[in-house]
């Protein structure tokens, strides 16, 4: 049995100054246009990640439980269908749900490597070393990277199963998803398989409650992005001066999270030399969470280079997991 240390590697592919430069560019572009927007990835500092973990345990927030239900039932079938030697996971974070796949793939005897990819080196380090301890025959090759800019795959043994769970794909609009599918299709070979989680269109009230819980945890999570901008850019946002708003965009079939200015205010962002005048009721859009239908999602994946081979849902048909192969 090899040691944990020798079976774990962490490869940081992000250039020096990546976070600062990307944050500056995102904030300058997003707040300088109408409607004003901020990318949801800036929610996730340590406090934001902790708040999101709390959200996944709330009674209103069904996606995590629904996806877990599918994985508990279907992981052995996924292992049998894919016979994956490498499990690659995008945006792995804590890798909690991934253990259902790891258990099934190791029980099936095919898995040799787990290759998580995330922008957080600390999350990868913590999760990767824990998986090394708990799966003594497995190599863990973690990569710090922003998968929106490409999927850095190299010498992973195949066939490979690439997992993108949690319906994170719903944070991309239609154009961004199309580009993302093309990036995935270029990175994978003909014997690789994509495992994609997708939240489904359902009753509007159920959807909105999931993004506006009674305890106010999602509201605090939403306002956390302002704390991040204050800390990282020297901004003087007053988070409590913004109302958390979750609304359903019927045209695009997506939940949108906004921060709405309660009063007229001027916000200064010294690091960008920006002064932002906000009118009462003016919104900053902080997240898109697109919801999907089987026919349209299958069609957009086909356009992006993938054929859906299997589609599973939880008993209440709230959430889907699908297996797709490169065309």
Protein backbone atom coordinates (compact mmCIF):
# COMPACT_ATOMS: atom_id res chain seq x y z
CA UNK A 1 0.00 0.00 0.00
CA UNK A 2 1.43 3.39 -1.00
CA UNK A 3 1.50 6.33 1.36
CA UNK A 4 -1.12 9.06 1.26
CA UNK A 5 1.54 11.64 0.40
CA UNK A 6 2.84 9.77 -2.63
CA UNK A 7 -0.68 9.19 -3.98
CA UNK A 8 -1.75 12.85 -3.81
CA UNK A 9 -0.57 15.66 -6.06
CA UNK A 10 -1.84 19.21 -6.41
CA UNK A 11 -1.03 21.02 -9.65
CA UNK A 12 -1.77 24.76 -9.60
CA UNK A 13 -2.45 25.87 -13.18
CA UNK A 14 -3.66 29.40 -12.36
CA UNK A 15 -1.24 32.20 -13.28
CA UNK A 16 0.13 34.56 -10.64
CA UNK A 17 -2.37 37.31 -9.88
CA UNK A 18 -5.24 35.35 -11.45
CA UNK A 19 -7.84 36.08 -8.78
CA UNK A 20 -7.07 39.78 -8.54
CA UNK A 21 -7.03 40.32 -12.29
CA UNK A 22 -10.18 38.26 -12.88
CA UNK A 23 -12.10 39.93 -10.06
CA UNK A 24 -11.13 43.37 -11.34
CA UNK A 25 -12.20 42.49 -14.88
CA UNK A 26 -15.49 40.87 -13.80
CA UNK A 27 -16.51 43.73 -11.51
CA UNK A 28 -15.54 46.46 -13.96
CA UNK A 29 -17.42 44.77 -16.83
CA UNK A 30 -20.43 43.64 -14.80
CA UNK A 31 -21.14 46.82 -12.87
CA UNK A 32 -20.39 49.08 -15.81
CA UNK A 33 -23.21 47.77 -18.02
CA UNK A 34 -27.00 47.61 -17.83
CA UNK A 35 -28.32 45.46 -16.32
CA UNK A 36 -25.59 45.43 -13.68
CA UNK A 37 -24.30 41.92 -12.95
CA UNK A 38 -21.73 40.04 -10.89
CA UNK A 39 -20.61 36.45 -11.61
CA UNK A 40 -21.75 33.95 -8.93
CA UNK A 41 -18.24 32.52 -8.52
CA UNK A 42 -17.41 35.49 -6.28
CA UNK A 43 -19.86 34.26 -3.62
CA UNK A 44 -17.47 31.51 -2.65
CA UNK A 45 -14.88 32.76 -0.23
CA UNK A 46 -14.60 30.72 3.00
CA UNK A 47 -17.70 32.37 4.48
CA UNK A 48 -19.69 31.98 1.27
CA UNK A 49 -18.76 28.32 0.93
CA UNK A 50 -19.89 27.71 4.52
CA UNK A 51 -23.18 29.50 3.86
CA UNK A 52 -23.78 27.41 0.75
CA UNK A 53 -23.18 24.22 2.73
CA UNK A 54 -25.86 25.46 5.12
CA UNK A 55 -28.20 26.10 2.18
CA UNK A 56 -27.83 22.51 0.94
CA UNK A 57 -29.26 21.30 4.27
CA UNK A 58 -32.29 23.64 4.28
CA UNK A 59 -35.76 22.06 3.88
CA UNK A 60 -36.55 24.32 0.91
CA UNK A 61 -33.38 23.47 -1.00
CA UNK A 62 -34.21 20.20 -2.77
CA UNK A 63 -31.45 19.95 -5.50
CA UNK A 64 -28.72 18.44 -3.30
CA UNK A 65 -31.04 15.80 -1.81
CA UNK A 66 -32.61 14.99 -5.19
CA UNK A 67 -29.23 14.51 -6.87
CA UNK A 68 -27.99 12.42 -3.97
CA UNK A 69 -31.09 10.23 -4.26
CA UNK A 70 -30.28 9.53 -7.91
CA UNK A 71 -26.62 8.82 -7.19
CA UNK A 72 -27.46 6.44 -4.34
CA UNK A 73 -29.68 4.48 -6.69
CA UNK A 74 -27.73 4.73 -9.95
CA UNK A 75 -24.03 4.88 -9.02
CA UNK A 76 -23.51 1.09 -9.44
CA UNK A 77 -25.18 1.28 -12.86
CA UNK A 78 -23.04 4.28 -13.82
CA UNK A 79 -19.92 2.34 -12.79
CA UNK A 80 -20.98 -0.67 -14.84
CA UNK A 81 -21.84 1.40 -17.91
CA UNK A 82 -18.66 3.49 -17.91
CA UNK A 83 -16.00 1.15 -16.46
CA UNK A 84 -14.09 4.37 -15.79
CA UNK A 85 -10.41 4.17 -14.85
CA UNK A 86 -10.38 7.89 -14.00
CA UNK A 87 -13.10 10.00 -12.42
CA UNK A 88 -12.63 13.68 -13.28
CA UNK A 89 -14.77 16.15 -11.39
CA UNK A 90 -15.23 19.81 -12.28
CA UNK A 91 -15.83 22.26 -9.46
CA UNK A 92 -15.41 19.47 -6.97
CA UNK A 93 -15.28 21.56 -3.78
CA UNK A 94 -15.58 19.19 -0.83
CA UNK A 95 -16.16 16.11 -3.08
CA UNK A 96 -18.90 14.93 -0.70
CA UNK A 97 -21.38 13.50 -3.24
CA UNK A 98 -18.50 12.15 -5.29
CA UNK A 99 -17.91 9.41 -2.75
CA UNK A 100 -21.02 7.60 -4.00
CA UNK A 101 -19.36 7.39 -7.41
CA UNK A 102 -15.97 6.50 -5.93
CA UNK A 103 -17.53 3.69 -3.90
CA UNK A 104 -19.31 2.24 -6.93
CA UNK A 105 -16.33 2.54 -9.28
CA UNK A 106 -13.87 1.03 -6.80
CA UNK A 107 -16.31 -1.77 -6.00
CA UNK A 108 -16.54 -2.43 -9.74
CA UNK A 109 -12.75 -2.74 -9.90
CA UNK A 110 -12.12 -0.24 -12.71
CA UNK A 111 -11.13 2.98 -10.96
CA UNK A 112 -7.45 3.93 -10.64
CA UNK A 113 -7.47 7.71 -10.31
CA UNK A 114 -9.61 10.57 -9.03
CA UNK A 115 -8.86 13.90 -10.71
CA UNK A 116 -10.75 16.80 -9.12
CA UNK A 117 -10.52 20.27 -10.62
CA UNK A 118 -11.47 23.44 -8.75
CA UNK A 119 -10.37 27.07 -8.34
CA UNK A 120 -9.87 26.54 -4.59
CA UNK A 121 -6.53 24.92 -3.80
CA UNK A 122 -7.38 24.65 -0.10
CA UNK A 123 -10.63 22.78 -0.80
CA UNK A 124 -8.81 20.42 -3.16
CA UNK A 125 -6.05 19.81 -0.63
CA UNK A 126 -8.45 18.99 2.19
CA UNK A 127 -10.79 16.81 0.14
CA UNK A 128 -8.00 15.10 -1.82
CA UNK A 129 -6.04 14.01 1.21
CA UNK A 130 -9.21 12.72 2.89
CA UNK A 131 -10.02 10.64 -0.18
CA UNK A 132 -6.48 9.27 -0.26
CA UNK A 133 -6.90 8.14 3.34
CA UNK A 134 -10.28 6.54 2.72
CA UNK A 135 -9.46 4.93 -0.65
CA UNK A 136 -6.00 3.40 -0.18
CA UNK A 137 -5.69 2.02 -3.72
CA UNK A 138 -6.58 5.30 -5.43
CA UNK A 139 -4.31 8.03 -6.82
CA UNK A 140 -5.62 11.58 -6.46
CA UNK A 141 -4.36 14.12 -9.00
CA UNK A 142 -5.92 17.48 -8.12
CA UNK A 143 -5.69 20.54 -10.37
CA UNK A 144 -6.27 24.16 -9.42
CA UNK A 145 -7.80 25.68 -12.54
CA UNK A 146 -10.75 27.65 -13.87
CA UNK A 147 -12.53 25.16 -16.11
CA UNK A 148 -14.35 27.97 -17.95
CA UNK A 149 -11.03 28.64 -19.68
CA UNK A 150 -10.41 25.03 -20.71
CA UNK A 151 -10.16 21.54 -19.22
CA UNK A 152 -6.51 20.71 -18.48
CA UNK A 153 -6.43 16.94 -19.00
CA UNK A 154 -3.19 15.11 -19.61
CA UNK A 155 -2.18 11.54 -18.81
CA UNK A 156 -5.30 10.28 -17.01
CA UNK A 157 -5.88 6.58 -17.69
CA UNK A 158 -9.01 5.90 -19.72
CA UNK A 159 -11.82 5.46 -20.09
CA UNK A 160 -12.57 8.65 -18.19
CA UNK A 161 -15.82 9.72 -16.54
CA UNK A 162 -16.11 13.51 -16.28
CA UNK A 163 -18.63 14.56 -13.62
CA UNK A 164 -20.20 18.01 -13.47
CA UNK A 165 -22.72 17.76 -10.66
CA UNK A 166 -25.05 20.05 -8.74
CA UNK A 167 -26.63 21.67 -11.84
CA UNK A 168 -23.77 24.17 -11.87
CA UNK A 169 -24.25 24.16 -15.64
CA UNK A 170 -27.41 26.16 -14.91
CA UNK A 171 -25.26 29.13 -13.85
CA UNK A 172 -24.34 29.58 -17.53
CA UNK A 173 -26.68 31.23 -20.02
CA UNK A 174 -27.44 29.50 -23.33
CA UNK A 175 -24.46 30.99 -25.15
CA UNK A 176 -22.06 30.18 -22.30
CA UNK A 177 -23.34 26.60 -22.14
CA UNK A 178 -22.79 26.13 -25.86
CA UNK A 179 -19.16 27.25 -25.50
CA UNK A 180 -18.72 25.06 -22.42
CA UNK A 181 -20.00 21.93 -24.19
CA UNK A 182 -17.61 22.55 -27.07
CA UNK A 183 -14.73 22.90 -24.59
CA UNK A 184 -15.69 19.58 -22.98
CA UNK A 185 -16.09 17.82 -26.31
CA UNK A 186 -12.59 18.90 -27.39
CA UNK A 187 -11.09 17.64 -24.12
CA UNK A 188 -12.68 14.18 -24.15
CA UNK A 189 -11.97 11.20 -26.37
CA UNK A 190 -14.44 8.78 -27.91
CA UNK A 191 -14.37 6.32 -24.99
CA UNK A 192 -14.91 9.02 -22.32
CA UNK A 193 -18.30 9.83 -20.79
CA UNK A 194 -19.89 13.00 -19.34
CA UNK A 195 -22.04 12.75 -16.20
CA UNK A 196 -24.10 15.94 -15.91
CA UNK A 197 -26.45 17.10 -13.17
CA UNK A 198 -29.38 19.29 -14.24
CA UNK A 199 -32.18 20.88 -12.23
CA UNK A 200 -35.54 20.59 -13.98
CA UNK A 201 -38.37 23.02 -14.65
CA UNK A 202 -41.08 22.61 -12.01
CA UNK A 203 -43.63 24.53 -9.98
CA UNK A 204 -42.53 28.16 -9.70
CA UNK A 205 -43.22 28.38 -5.97
CA UNK A 206 -41.05 25.33 -5.28
CA UNK A 207 -38.24 26.89 -7.30
CA UNK A 208 -38.44 30.29 -5.65
CA UNK A 209 -38.56 28.88 -2.12
CA UNK A 210 -35.30 27.05 -2.86
CA UNK A 211 -33.63 30.42 -3.52
CA UNK A 212 -35.40 32.48 -0.85
CA UNK A 213 -35.59 30.35 2.30
CA UNK A 214 -37.50 31.30 5.41
CA UNK A 215 -34.35 31.37 7.56
CA UNK A 216 -32.71 34.00 5.34
CA UNK A 217 -29.58 31.93 4.70
CA UNK A 218 -29.74 32.42 0.94
CA UNK A 219 -30.19 36.15 1.42
CA UNK A 220 -27.04 36.25 3.54
CA UNK A 221 -25.23 34.13 0.94
CA UNK A 222 -26.30 36.55 -1.80
CA UNK A 223 -25.11 39.60 0.14
CA UNK A 224 -21.79 37.88 0.84
CA UNK A 225 -20.56 38.92 -2.59
CA UNK A 226 -20.65 42.53 -1.36
CA UNK A 227 -18.51 41.58 1.64
CA UNK A 228 -16.04 40.04 -0.84
CA UNK A 229 -15.90 43.25 -2.90
CA UNK A 230 -15.45 45.35 0.22
CA UNK A 231 -12.56 43.21 1.41
CA UNK A 232 -10.82 42.60 -1.90
CA UNK A 233 -11.39 45.92 -3.67
CA UNK A 234 -11.74 48.37 -0.81
CA UNK A 235 -15.38 49.02 -1.76
CA UNK A 236 -17.81 50.57 0.69
CA UNK A 237 -20.98 48.59 -0.04
CA UNK A 238 -23.36 48.40 2.93
CA UNK A 239 -24.73 44.86 2.44
CA UNK A 240 -27.77 45.48 4.64
CA UNK A 241 -28.76 48.30 2.27
CA UNK A 242 -29.59 45.67 -0.36
CA UNK A 243 -32.63 43.40 -0.42
CA UNK A 244 -32.24 39.80 -1.56
CA UNK A 245 -34.61 39.11 -4.46
CA UNK A 246 -35.24 35.76 -6.17
CA UNK A 247 -37.46 35.85 -9.25
CA UNK A 248 -38.56 33.49 -12.01
CA UNK A 249 -37.70 34.53 -15.56
CA UNK A 250 -40.36 32.65 -17.51
CA UNK A 251 -38.97 33.54 -20.95
CA UNK A 252 -35.60 31.93 -20.23
CA UNK A 253 -36.88 29.39 -17.65
CA UNK A 254 -34.44 30.37 -14.95
CA UNK A 255 -34.34 31.62 -11.38
CA UNK A 256 -32.43 34.87 -11.03
CA UNK A 257 -30.94 36.21 -7.81
CA UNK A 258 -30.64 39.95 -7.45
CA UNK A 259 -29.49 42.43 -4.86
CA UNK A 260 -31.88 45.41 -4.90
CA UNK A 261 -30.82 48.80 -3.56
CA UNK A 262 -33.20 49.83 -0.78
CA UNK A 263 -32.27 53.51 -1.16
CA UNK A 264 -30.36 55.80 -3.49
CA UNK A 265 -26.68 55.33 -2.77
CA UNK A 266 -23.21 55.96 -4.13
CA UNK A 267 -20.70 53.16 -3.77
CA UNK A 268 -17.00 53.77 -4.22
CA UNK A 269 -14.63 51.00 -5.37
CA UNK A 270 -11.17 52.55 -4.89
CA UNK A 271 -9.12 49.71 -6.37
CA UNK A 272 -10.95 50.19 -9.69
CA UNK A 273 -11.28 53.96 -9.41
CA UNK A 274 -15.03 53.47 -9.83
CA UNK A 275 -17.94 55.35 -8.29
CA UNK A 276 -21.29 53.62 -8.67
CA UNK A 277 -24.56 55.58 -8.39
CA UNK A 278 -27.51 53.33 -7.62
CA UNK A 279 -31.14 54.42 -7.73
CA UNK A 280 -33.72 53.14 -5.23
CA UNK A 281 -34.92 49.75 -6.44
CA UNK A 282 -31.99 49.28 -8.84
CA UNK A 283 -30.78 45.68 -9.12
CA UNK A 284 -27.43 43.95 -9.29
CA UNK A 285 -27.99 40.49 -10.78
CA UNK A 286 -25.75 38.02 -8.98
CA UNK A 287 -26.79 34.60 -10.27
CA UNK A 288 -28.63 32.78 -13.03
CA UNK A 289 -29.92 29.31 -12.23
CA UNK A 290 -31.32 27.90 -15.44
CA UNK A 291 -33.78 25.01 -15.24
CA UNK A 292 -34.02 22.38 -17.93
CA UNK A 293 -36.39 20.17 -19.89
CA UNK A 294 -35.26 16.82 -21.26
CA UNK A 295 -35.92 17.57 -24.94
CA UNK A 296 -34.22 20.97 -25.04
CA UNK A 297 -31.23 19.94 -22.91
CA UNK A 298 -30.67 16.85 -25.05
CA UNK A 299 -30.83 19.06 -28.16
CA UNK A 300 -28.35 21.66 -26.88
CA UNK A 301 -25.93 18.93 -25.83
CA UNK A 302 -26.22 17.43 -29.32
CA UNK A 303 -25.33 20.81 -30.82
CA UNK A 304 -22.38 21.02 -28.41
CA UNK A 305 -20.95 17.64 -29.41
CA UNK A 306 -22.64 15.11 -27.08
CA UNK A 307 -25.24 12.37 -27.42
CA UNK A 308 -27.30 11.64 -24.30
CA UNK A 309 -27.38 7.88 -23.65
CA UNK A 310 -29.03 7.69 -20.23
CA UNK A 311 -31.34 10.03 -18.30
CA UNK A 312 -32.33 9.42 -14.68
CA UNK A 313 -34.42 11.47 -12.26
CA UNK A 314 -35.34 11.26 -8.59
CA UNK A 315 -38.78 9.88 -7.75
CA UNK A 316 -40.36 13.33 -7.79
CA UNK A 317 -38.73 14.20 -11.17
CA UNK A 318 -37.20 17.35 -9.71
CA UNK A 319 -33.62 16.76 -10.86
CA UNK A 320 -31.86 14.76 -13.58
CA UNK A 321 -28.54 13.02 -13.98
CA UNK A 322 -27.56 12.14 -17.51
CA UNK A 323 -24.78 10.23 -19.20
CA UNK A 324 -23.62 11.62 -22.54
CA UNK A 325 -20.86 10.58 -24.93
CA UNK A 326 -18.91 12.71 -27.43
CA UNK A 327 -20.45 12.59 -30.90
